[in-house]
Amino acid sequence: MAAVYKVGKKWRADWTDKEGIRHRLRFNTKGEGDAALTEIKSQLKAGTYVAPKKIPTFGALADSWIAGRIEQSRTPGAGYRPSSLAQWQNHIAHMKTRFDQIKVNEIDAQAIERAIGQWRLSKEQGGRGLSIRTVNKVLTTMSRIFKFGIRNKCGIQTDPTKLIEKVKEGSGEQSETGERLNIGIHEVTDREVLSPQEVKAVILAAKPGLYRTTIQTAIYTGARISEILALRWPDVKLDGGVIEIRRSLSTAKVKGETNQEKVRWFDPKTKSGLRDIPIPSELVAALRAWKEKCPSSRLELVFCNEFGEPCDRTGIGRYGLTPALDQAQIDKAVSMHGLRHTYASMLILLGRPITEVSRYLGHADVSVTMRVYAHFLKPKKQDSMSDLERLIQNG
């Protein structure tokens, strides 16, 4: 039995599934009922039909998706990095503010676009305060969840995020006083990097030993702190003046996992992350001196705590870099990652090709380097255009 008929002022679609269970839904118009019933018949024929009561909420589907990825990742060397899992959990938390108890088949592109508007609002305005870049990452994760639902026949046939245009980074509009509005991709500025003079001051102000040598390594290599703390002495070629980046350290935590290892080791962030970085004689000398007095480590770690175990990456910034900045009286928003930006900005200042800078940073795409460090790539020298003037006057 399958029919659409009028009940009072509404129209009812009435059908029986392959298990012999009868279902009925009400619609405002006959056309809506006919369209719904046509789709249901198609699903019954294709074997993809799911009874309305069995269609999960988005929150339940998202929880099932992330649980599967966490389970895969429990086997050493398999699955996903803890940082990826933790990031996906944060994305799901944003999604649940709008879709937690909504059935997955009731979410369309318009609902997602309304959610994007709410996510972009500041927290003071009742939103989530998400950047455009983060919104696009949330949409990518959301698409994964919908595809998971389609594969597992959860009552959805299409991924509505595919109908959403990528959120535009900005229109380039300014306020009447010249302030840029709605800045999208983060572009590193002078406030986030140290000048050569400030670099010297910070190194001298840093506590000798572990903190000073770690800070020097970050400044002279541009490596991520996760890569620096994963260095082993065999990776440091002091005679050749080269540091080989071969792995990274992860201390990310996955919510709900109680038996997580404190430290795990991974390949660098991208394939380009496997790289050799030449280092100057000053860093070679600092590392030689550090090698003579550093704690013994069963893992041959270059930087370890007094017990020879991996250092806490947060502690390096909190107890090493921050006090050094204070001692040097430098009032800038510079973190350990900011030392990576400092390295890149100084290479650009030296006139190194952007492809070379990108290679040493381990970026997968040189366009990423160009976008992040666009501020430092802008010509600093003023062009008088006297040659253009002469051309016109002599024409």
Protein backbone atom coordinates (compact mmCIF):
# COMPACT_ATOMS: atom_id res chain seq x y z
CA MET A 1 0.00 0.00 0.00
CA ALA A 2 1.28 3.44 -0.92
CA ALA A 3 -0.94 6.47 -1.35
CA VAL A 4 -1.41 10.15 -0.66
CA TYR A 5 -4.81 11.28 0.60
CA LYS A 6 -6.41 14.21 2.37
CA VAL A 7 -7.03 14.20 6.12
CA GLY A 8 -8.77 17.36 7.22
CA LYS A 9 -6.73 20.30 5.92
CA LYS A 10 -3.55 18.23 5.58
CA TRP A 11 -2.36 15.55 3.17
CA ARG A 12 -1.11 12.20 4.35
CA ALA A 13 1.48 9.94 2.69
CA ASP A 14 0.79 6.34 3.66
CA TRP A 15 3.10 3.39 2.87
CA THR A 16 4.31 0.02 4.09
CA ASP A 17 8.01 -0.88 4.17
CA LYS A 18 9.59 -4.23 3.28
CA GLU A 19 9.28 -5.40 6.88
CA GLY A 20 5.51 -4.94 6.69
CA ILE A 21 5.53 -1.91 8.96
CA ARG A 22 3.07 0.85 8.06
CA HIS A 23 4.21 4.50 8.07
CA ARG A 24 2.33 7.76 7.72
CA LEU A 25 3.50 11.35 7.39
CA ARG A 26 1.52 14.58 7.05
CA PHE A 27 2.20 17.36 4.54
CA ASN A 28 0.71 20.78 3.85
CA THR A 29 0.08 20.09 0.16
CA LYS A 30 -0.59 17.08 -2.05
CA GLY A 31 2.47 17.97 -4.12
CA GLU A 32 4.74 17.69 -1.07
CA GLY A 33 3.20 14.34 -0.17
CA ASP A 34 3.56 13.00 -3.72
CA ALA A 35 7.21 14.09 -3.91
CA ALA A 36 8.00 12.48 -0.56
CA LEU A 37 6.26 9.24 -1.47
CA THR A 38 8.05 9.08 -4.83
CA GLU A 39 11.40 9.40 -3.05
CA ILE A 40 10.40 6.75 -0.50
CA LYS A 41 9.40 4.31 -3.26
CA SER A 42 12.77 4.90 -4.93
CA GLN A 43 14.59 4.18 -1.67
CA LEU A 44 12.54 1.03 -1.06
CA LYS A 45 13.42 -0.22 -4.53
CA ALA A 46 17.13 0.59 -4.07
CA GLY A 47 17.25 -0.95 -0.61
CA THR A 48 18.36 2.31 1.03
CA TYR A 49 15.12 3.05 2.85
CA VAL A 50 15.28 3.70 6.59
CA ALA A 51 12.13 4.05 8.69
CA PRO A 52 11.69 7.60 10.08
CA LYS A 53 11.95 6.39 13.69
CA LYS A 54 15.31 4.75 12.95
CA ILE A 55 16.93 7.81 11.37
CA PRO A 56 19.52 9.08 13.87
CA THR A 57 19.96 12.63 15.07
CA PHE A 58 23.01 14.45 13.77
CA GLY A 59 24.54 14.41 17.24
CA ALA A 60 24.25 10.62 17.45
CA LEU A 61 25.68 10.16 13.95
CA ALA A 62 28.60 12.49 14.72
CA ASP A 63 29.33 10.62 17.97
CA SER A 64 29.31 7.31 16.09
CA TRP A 65 31.66 8.68 13.42
CA ILE A 66 34.25 10.04 15.86
CA ALA A 67 34.02 6.93 18.05
CA GLY A 68 34.97 4.80 15.04
CA ARG A 69 38.02 6.91 14.34
CA ILE A 70 39.11 6.86 17.96
CA GLU A 71 38.77 3.06 17.97
CA GLN A 72 40.90 2.77 14.82
CA SER A 73 43.56 4.95 16.41
CA ARG A 74 43.98 2.85 19.54
CA THR A 75 46.27 0.48 17.64
CA PRO A 76 49.81 1.92 17.59
CA GLY A 77 50.76 3.08 14.10
CA ALA A 78 47.17 2.99 12.84
CA GLY A 79 44.31 5.43 12.54
CA TYR A 80 44.67 9.14 13.18
CA ARG A 81 46.86 11.50 15.18
CA PRO A 82 45.52 12.62 18.60
CA SER A 83 45.70 16.23 17.39
CA SER A 84 43.38 15.38 14.47
CA LEU A 85 40.94 13.54 16.71
CA ALA A 86 40.91 16.40 19.23
CA GLN A 87 40.33 18.92 16.43
CA TRP A 88 37.41 16.87 15.06
CA GLN A 89 35.90 16.69 18.55
CA ASN A 90 36.01 20.49 18.72
CA HIS A 91 34.37 20.75 15.29
CA ILE A 92 31.57 18.42 16.42
CA ALA A 93 31.02 20.58 19.51
CA HIS A 94 30.39 23.56 17.21
CA MET A 95 28.01 21.55 15.01
CA LYS A 96 26.02 20.30 17.99
CA THR A 97 25.10 23.83 19.01
CA ARG A 98 22.75 23.84 16.01
CA PHE A 99 22.11 20.24 14.98
CA ASP A 100 22.54 17.97 18.00
CA GLN A 101 18.91 16.75 18.25
CA ILE A 102 17.90 17.27 14.61
CA LYS A 103 17.37 14.21 12.41
CA VAL A 104 20.10 13.97 9.80
CA ASN A 105 17.64 13.84 6.91
CA GLU A 106 16.13 17.17 8.02
CA ILE A 107 19.37 19.12 7.61
CA ASP A 108 19.63 20.94 4.31
CA ALA A 109 21.99 23.51 2.80
CA GLN A 110 19.90 26.43 4.03
CA ALA A 111 20.06 25.18 7.62
CA ILE A 112 23.83 24.85 7.35
CA GLU A 113 24.17 28.36 5.91
CA ARG A 114 22.16 29.75 8.84
CA ALA A 115 24.45 27.83 11.21
CA ILE A 116 27.52 29.34 9.54
CA GLY A 117 26.15 32.81 10.22
CA GLN A 118 25.72 31.93 13.90
CA TRP A 119 29.15 30.31 14.21
CA ARG A 120 30.78 33.44 12.75
CA LEU A 121 29.19 35.75 15.33
CA SER A 122 31.32 36.71 18.32
CA LYS A 123 30.68 34.99 21.63
CA GLU A 124 29.37 38.29 23.01
CA GLN A 125 26.72 38.18 20.25
CA GLY A 126 25.75 34.62 21.09
CA GLY A 127 27.88 32.96 18.42
CA ARG A 128 30.98 30.78 18.46
CA GLY A 129 33.46 33.39 17.29
CA LEU A 130 34.86 31.16 14.54
CA SER A 131 37.22 32.43 11.88
CA ILE A 132 36.45 31.80 8.21
CA ARG A 133 39.27 29.28 8.08
CA THR A 134 37.82 27.35 11.04
CA VAL A 135 34.31 27.42 9.56
CA ASN A 136 35.62 25.82 6.37
CA LYS A 137 37.37 23.15 8.44
CA VAL A 138 34.14 22.47 10.35
CA LEU A 139 32.29 22.06 7.04
CA THR A 140 34.92 19.57 5.84
CA THR A 141 34.42 17.51 9.01
CA MET A 142 30.65 17.78 8.66
CA SER A 143 30.90 16.42 5.11
CA ARG A 144 32.83 13.41 6.43
CA ILE A 145 30.03 12.73 8.91
CA PHE A 146 27.30 12.93 6.24
CA LYS A 147 29.27 10.59 3.97
CA PHE A 148 29.60 8.20 6.89
CA GLY A 149 25.81 8.32 7.28
CA ILE A 150 25.29 7.64 3.56
CA ARG A 151 27.67 4.64 3.62
CA ASN A 152 25.92 3.21 6.66
CA LYS A 153 22.41 3.76 5.23
CA CYS A 154 21.24 6.10 7.99
CA GLY A 155 18.41 7.62 5.97
CA ILE A 156 20.31 10.27 4.01
CA GLN A 157 21.08 10.07 0.31
CA THR A 158 23.19 13.18 -0.28
CA ASP A 159 25.73 15.37 1.49
CA PRO A 160 24.15 18.86 1.90
CA THR A 161 27.52 20.50 2.57
CA LYS A 162 28.36 19.97 -1.11
CA LEU A 163 25.75 22.60 -1.96
CA ILE A 164 27.50 25.17 0.24
CA GLU A 165 29.93 27.56 -1.37
CA LYS A 166 33.26 27.81 0.40
CA VAL A 167 32.99 30.67 2.86
CA LYS A 168 34.65 33.72 1.30
CA GLU A 169 37.54 35.11 3.30
CA GLY A 170 36.54 38.74 2.90
CA SER A 171 35.41 41.51 0.58
CA GLY A 172 38.39 43.76 1.24
CA GLU A 173 36.09 46.39 2.76
CA GLN A 174 37.55 49.00 5.11
CA SER A 175 36.02 51.24 7.74
CA GLU A 176 35.90 54.96 7.02
CA THR A 177 39.01 55.40 9.18
CA GLY A 178 40.98 52.86 7.14
CA GLU A 179 40.62 49.79 9.37
CA ARG A 180 40.35 46.48 7.50
CA LEU A 181 37.08 44.67 8.18
CA ASN A 182 36.58 40.92 8.46
CA ILE A 183 40.20 39.79 8.02
CA GLY A 184 40.28 36.15 6.94
CA ILE A 185 43.55 34.17 6.63
CA HIS A 186 45.94 35.16 9.36
CA GLU A 187 48.86 37.10 7.99
CA VAL A 188 51.88 37.28 10.31
CA THR A 189 52.83 40.83 11.28
CA ASP A 190 55.78 42.56 12.96
CA ARG A 191 54.03 42.19 16.33
CA GLU A 192 54.40 38.43 16.16
CA VAL A 193 58.07 38.20 15.24
CA LEU A 194 61.33 39.37 16.76
CA SER A 195 63.69 41.75 15.02
CA PRO A 196 67.36 40.68 14.74
CA GLN A 197 68.20 42.97 17.68
CA GLU A 198 65.38 41.46 19.76
CA VAL A 199 66.51 37.94 18.87
CA LYS A 200 69.94 38.68 20.32
CA ALA A 201 68.41 40.17 23.47
CA VAL A 202 66.09 37.18 24.02
CA ILE A 203 68.87 34.63 23.61
CA LEU A 204 71.03 36.49 26.15
CA ALA A 205 68.07 36.82 28.54
CA ALA A 206 67.06 33.14 28.33
CA LYS A 207 68.09 30.85 31.17
CA PRO A 208 71.29 29.01 30.12
CA GLY A 209 70.99 25.31 29.39
CA LEU A 210 67.78 23.65 28.23
CA TYR A 211 65.69 26.79 27.70
CA ARG A 212 68.32 28.92 25.98
CA THR A 213 69.44 26.11 23.65
CA THR A 214 65.87 25.18 22.73
CA ILE A 215 65.05 28.82 21.95
CA GLN A 216 68.23 29.15 19.86
CA THR A 217 67.33 26.00 17.93
CA ALA A 218 63.84 27.35 17.21
CA ILE A 219 65.21 30.69 16.01
CA TYR A 220 67.99 29.24 13.84
CA THR A 221 65.97 26.39 12.25
CA GLY A 222 62.35 27.58 12.07
CA ALA A 223 61.31 24.07 13.10
CA ARG A 224 58.04 23.48 14.94
CA ILE A 225 58.42 22.97 18.69
CA SER A 226 56.95 19.47 18.24
CA GLU A 227 59.79 18.70 15.81
CA ILE A 228 62.49 20.24 18.01
CA LEU A 229 61.45 18.24 21.07
CA ALA A 230 61.48 15.05 18.96
CA LEU A 231 65.09 15.55 17.84
CA ARG A 232 67.59 12.81 18.67
CA TRP A 233 71.33 13.32 18.67
CA PRO A 234 71.74 11.15 15.54
CA ASP A 235 69.52 13.74 13.76
CA VAL A 236 71.98 16.53 14.60
CA LYS A 237 75.00 16.55 12.28
CA LEU A 238 77.25 18.99 14.11
CA ASP A 239 80.24 18.42 11.84
CA GLY A 240 78.14 19.03 8.74
CA GLY A 241 76.10 21.88 10.25
CA VAL A 242 72.74 20.26 9.48
CA ILE A 243 69.69 19.23 11.50
CA GLU A 244 67.53 16.48 10.04
CA ILE A 245 63.81 16.72 10.80
CA ARG A 246 62.43 13.18 10.80
CA ARG A 247 59.59 13.09 13.34
CA SER A 248 57.43 15.12 15.71
CA LEU A 249 56.18 14.77 19.26
CA SER A 250 52.47 14.81 20.12
CA THR A 251 50.94 15.47 23.53
CA ALA A 252 47.40 16.14 22.25
CA LYS A 253 44.61 14.59 24.28
CA VAL A 254 41.40 13.02 22.98
CA LYS A 255 38.33 13.73 25.12
CA GLY A 256 36.91 10.66 26.78
CA GLU A 257 40.03 8.55 26.40
CA THR A 258 41.34 7.60 29.85
CA ASN A 259 44.29 5.39 28.91
CA GLN A 260 46.15 7.74 26.64
CA GLU A 261 49.92 7.78 26.44
CA LYS A 262 51.37 11.10 27.59
CA VAL A 263 53.68 11.32 24.56
CA ARG A 264 53.40 9.81 21.08
CA TRP A 265 55.69 10.10 18.06
CA PHE A 266 54.67 10.80 14.48
CA ASP A 267 56.07 11.69 11.08
CA PRO A 268 56.31 15.45 10.47
CA LYS A 269 53.07 17.28 9.65
CA THR A 270 53.45 16.93 5.86
CA LYS A 271 55.60 14.91 3.45
CA SER A 272 57.61 18.08 2.91
CA GLY A 273 58.22 18.08 6.66
CA LEU A 274 60.96 15.49 6.17
CA ARG A 275 63.80 17.92 5.54
CA ASP A 276 67.39 18.89 6.26
CA ILE A 277 67.96 22.37 7.68
CA PRO A 278 71.44 23.95 7.53
CA ILE A 279 72.44 25.66 10.78
CA PRO A 280 74.99 28.43 11.49
CA SER A 281 78.15 28.02 13.54
CA GLU A 282 76.64 29.77 16.57
CA LEU A 283 73.95 27.10 16.92
CA VAL A 284 76.50 24.33 16.26
CA ALA A 285 78.60 25.67 19.14
CA ALA A 286 75.56 25.96 21.42
CA LEU A 287 74.49 22.39 20.66
CA ARG A 288 78.04 21.07 21.23
CA ALA A 289 78.11 22.74 24.65
CA TRP A 290 74.62 21.44 25.46
CA LYS A 291 75.55 17.89 24.44
CA GLU A 292 78.32 17.87 27.06
CA LYS A 293 75.98 18.66 29.96
CA CYS A 294 72.48 17.61 28.91
CA PRO A 295 70.71 14.85 30.89
CA SER A 296 71.23 11.30 29.67
CA SER A 297 68.26 10.02 27.69
CA ARG A 298 67.40 6.41 26.86
CA LEU A 299 65.81 7.80 23.67
CA GLU A 300 68.90 9.87 22.78
CA LEU A 301 66.75 12.99 22.90
CA VAL A 302 68.49 16.31 22.34
CA PHE A 303 66.07 18.10 24.63
CA CYS A 304 64.71 16.15 27.59
CA ASN A 305 63.83 16.70 31.23
CA GLU A 306 66.08 15.78 34.15
CA PHE A 307 64.86 12.17 33.96
CA GLY A 308 65.75 11.83 30.28
CA GLU A 309 62.12 11.85 29.18
CA PRO A 310 60.48 14.16 26.59
CA CYS A 311 60.02 17.78 27.63
CA ASP A 312 56.62 19.39 28.12
CA ARG A 313 56.18 21.64 25.10
CA THR A 314 53.99 24.08 27.04
CA GLY A 315 56.62 24.39 29.74
CA ILE A 316 59.30 25.48 27.25
CA GLY A 317 57.25 28.55 26.39
CA ARG A 318 55.98 29.23 29.89
CA TYR A 319 59.23 28.82 31.80
CA GLY A 320 61.73 29.53 29.01
CA LEU A 321 60.53 32.00 26.39
CA THR A 322 58.09 34.13 28.40
CA PRO A 323 60.58 34.99 31.18
CA ALA A 324 63.22 35.76 28.52
CA LEU A 325 60.86 38.18 26.74
CA ASP A 326 60.07 39.85 30.06
CA GLN A 327 63.75 40.08 30.99
CA ALA A 328 64.55 41.61 27.59
CA GLN A 329 61.59 44.00 28.03
CA ILE A 330 60.03 42.97 24.72
CA ASP A 331 56.29 43.62 24.60
CA LYS A 332 55.23 41.45 21.68
CA ALA A 333 52.82 38.55 21.15
CA VAL A 334 55.60 36.05 20.44
CA SER A 335 55.19 32.36 21.23
CA MET A 336 57.46 29.40 20.49
CA HIS A 337 55.62 29.16 17.17
CA GLY A 338 56.38 32.86 16.76
CA LEU A 339 60.08 31.97 16.71
CA ARG A 340 59.31 29.94 13.58
CA HIS A 341 57.76 33.08 12.09
CA THR A 342 60.85 35.02 13.19
CA TYR A 343 63.11 32.60 11.31
CA ALA A 344 61.01 32.95 8.14
CA SER A 345 60.85 36.74 8.34
CA MET A 346 64.64 37.01 8.74
CA LEU A 347 65.31 34.76 5.75
CA ILE A 348 62.96 36.93 3.69
CA LEU A 349 64.77 40.02 4.98
CA LEU A 350 68.03 38.46 3.75
CA GLY A 351 66.51 38.11 0.28
CA ARG A 352 66.31 34.32 0.27
CA PRO A 353 64.00 32.91 -2.45
CA ILE A 354 60.53 32.16 -1.08
CA THR A 355 60.84 28.58 -2.40
CA GLU A 356 63.88 28.10 -0.19
CA VAL A 357 62.12 29.57 2.84
CA SER A 358 59.15 27.28 2.20
CA ARG A 359 61.42 24.23 1.93
CA TYR A 360 63.18 24.91 5.23
CA LEU A 361 59.83 25.49 6.95
CA GLY A 362 58.52 22.18 5.61
CA HIS A 363 55.43 23.69 3.98
CA ALA A 364 53.58 21.39 1.59
CA ASP A 365 52.88 24.28 -0.80
CA VAL A 366 54.89 27.44 -1.39
CA SER A 367 51.60 29.36 -1.73
CA VAL A 368 51.01 28.75 1.99
CA THR A 369 54.34 30.43 2.77
CA MET A 370 53.49 33.36 0.51
CA ARG A 371 50.10 33.91 2.13
CA VAL A 372 51.31 33.65 5.73
CA TYR A 373 54.33 35.91 5.20
CA ALA A 374 52.80 38.28 2.65
CA HIS A 375 53.52 41.21 4.99
CA PHE A 376 57.26 40.60 4.78
CA LEU A 377 57.26 39.97 1.04
CA LYS A 378 55.93 43.43 0.24
CA PRO A 379 58.59 45.70 -1.28
CA LYS A 380 60.05 48.03 1.33
CA LYS A 381 62.01 50.28 -1.00
CA GLN A 382 60.11 53.16 -2.56
CA ASP A 383 60.24 53.30 -6.36
CA SER A 384 60.60 56.92 -7.53
CA MET A 385 59.23 56.02 -10.98
CA SER A 386 61.68 58.56 -12.46
CA ASP A 387 62.25 56.28 -15.46
CA LEU A 388 58.52 56.30 -16.21
CA GLU A 389 58.47 60.09 -15.94
CA ARG A 390 61.41 60.43 -18.35
CA LEU A 391 59.77 58.08 -20.85
CA ILE A 392 56.61 60.18 -20.96
CA GLN A 393 58.44 63.55 -21.07
CA ASN A 394 60.68 62.41 -23.92
CA GLY A 395 57.87 60.76 -25.85
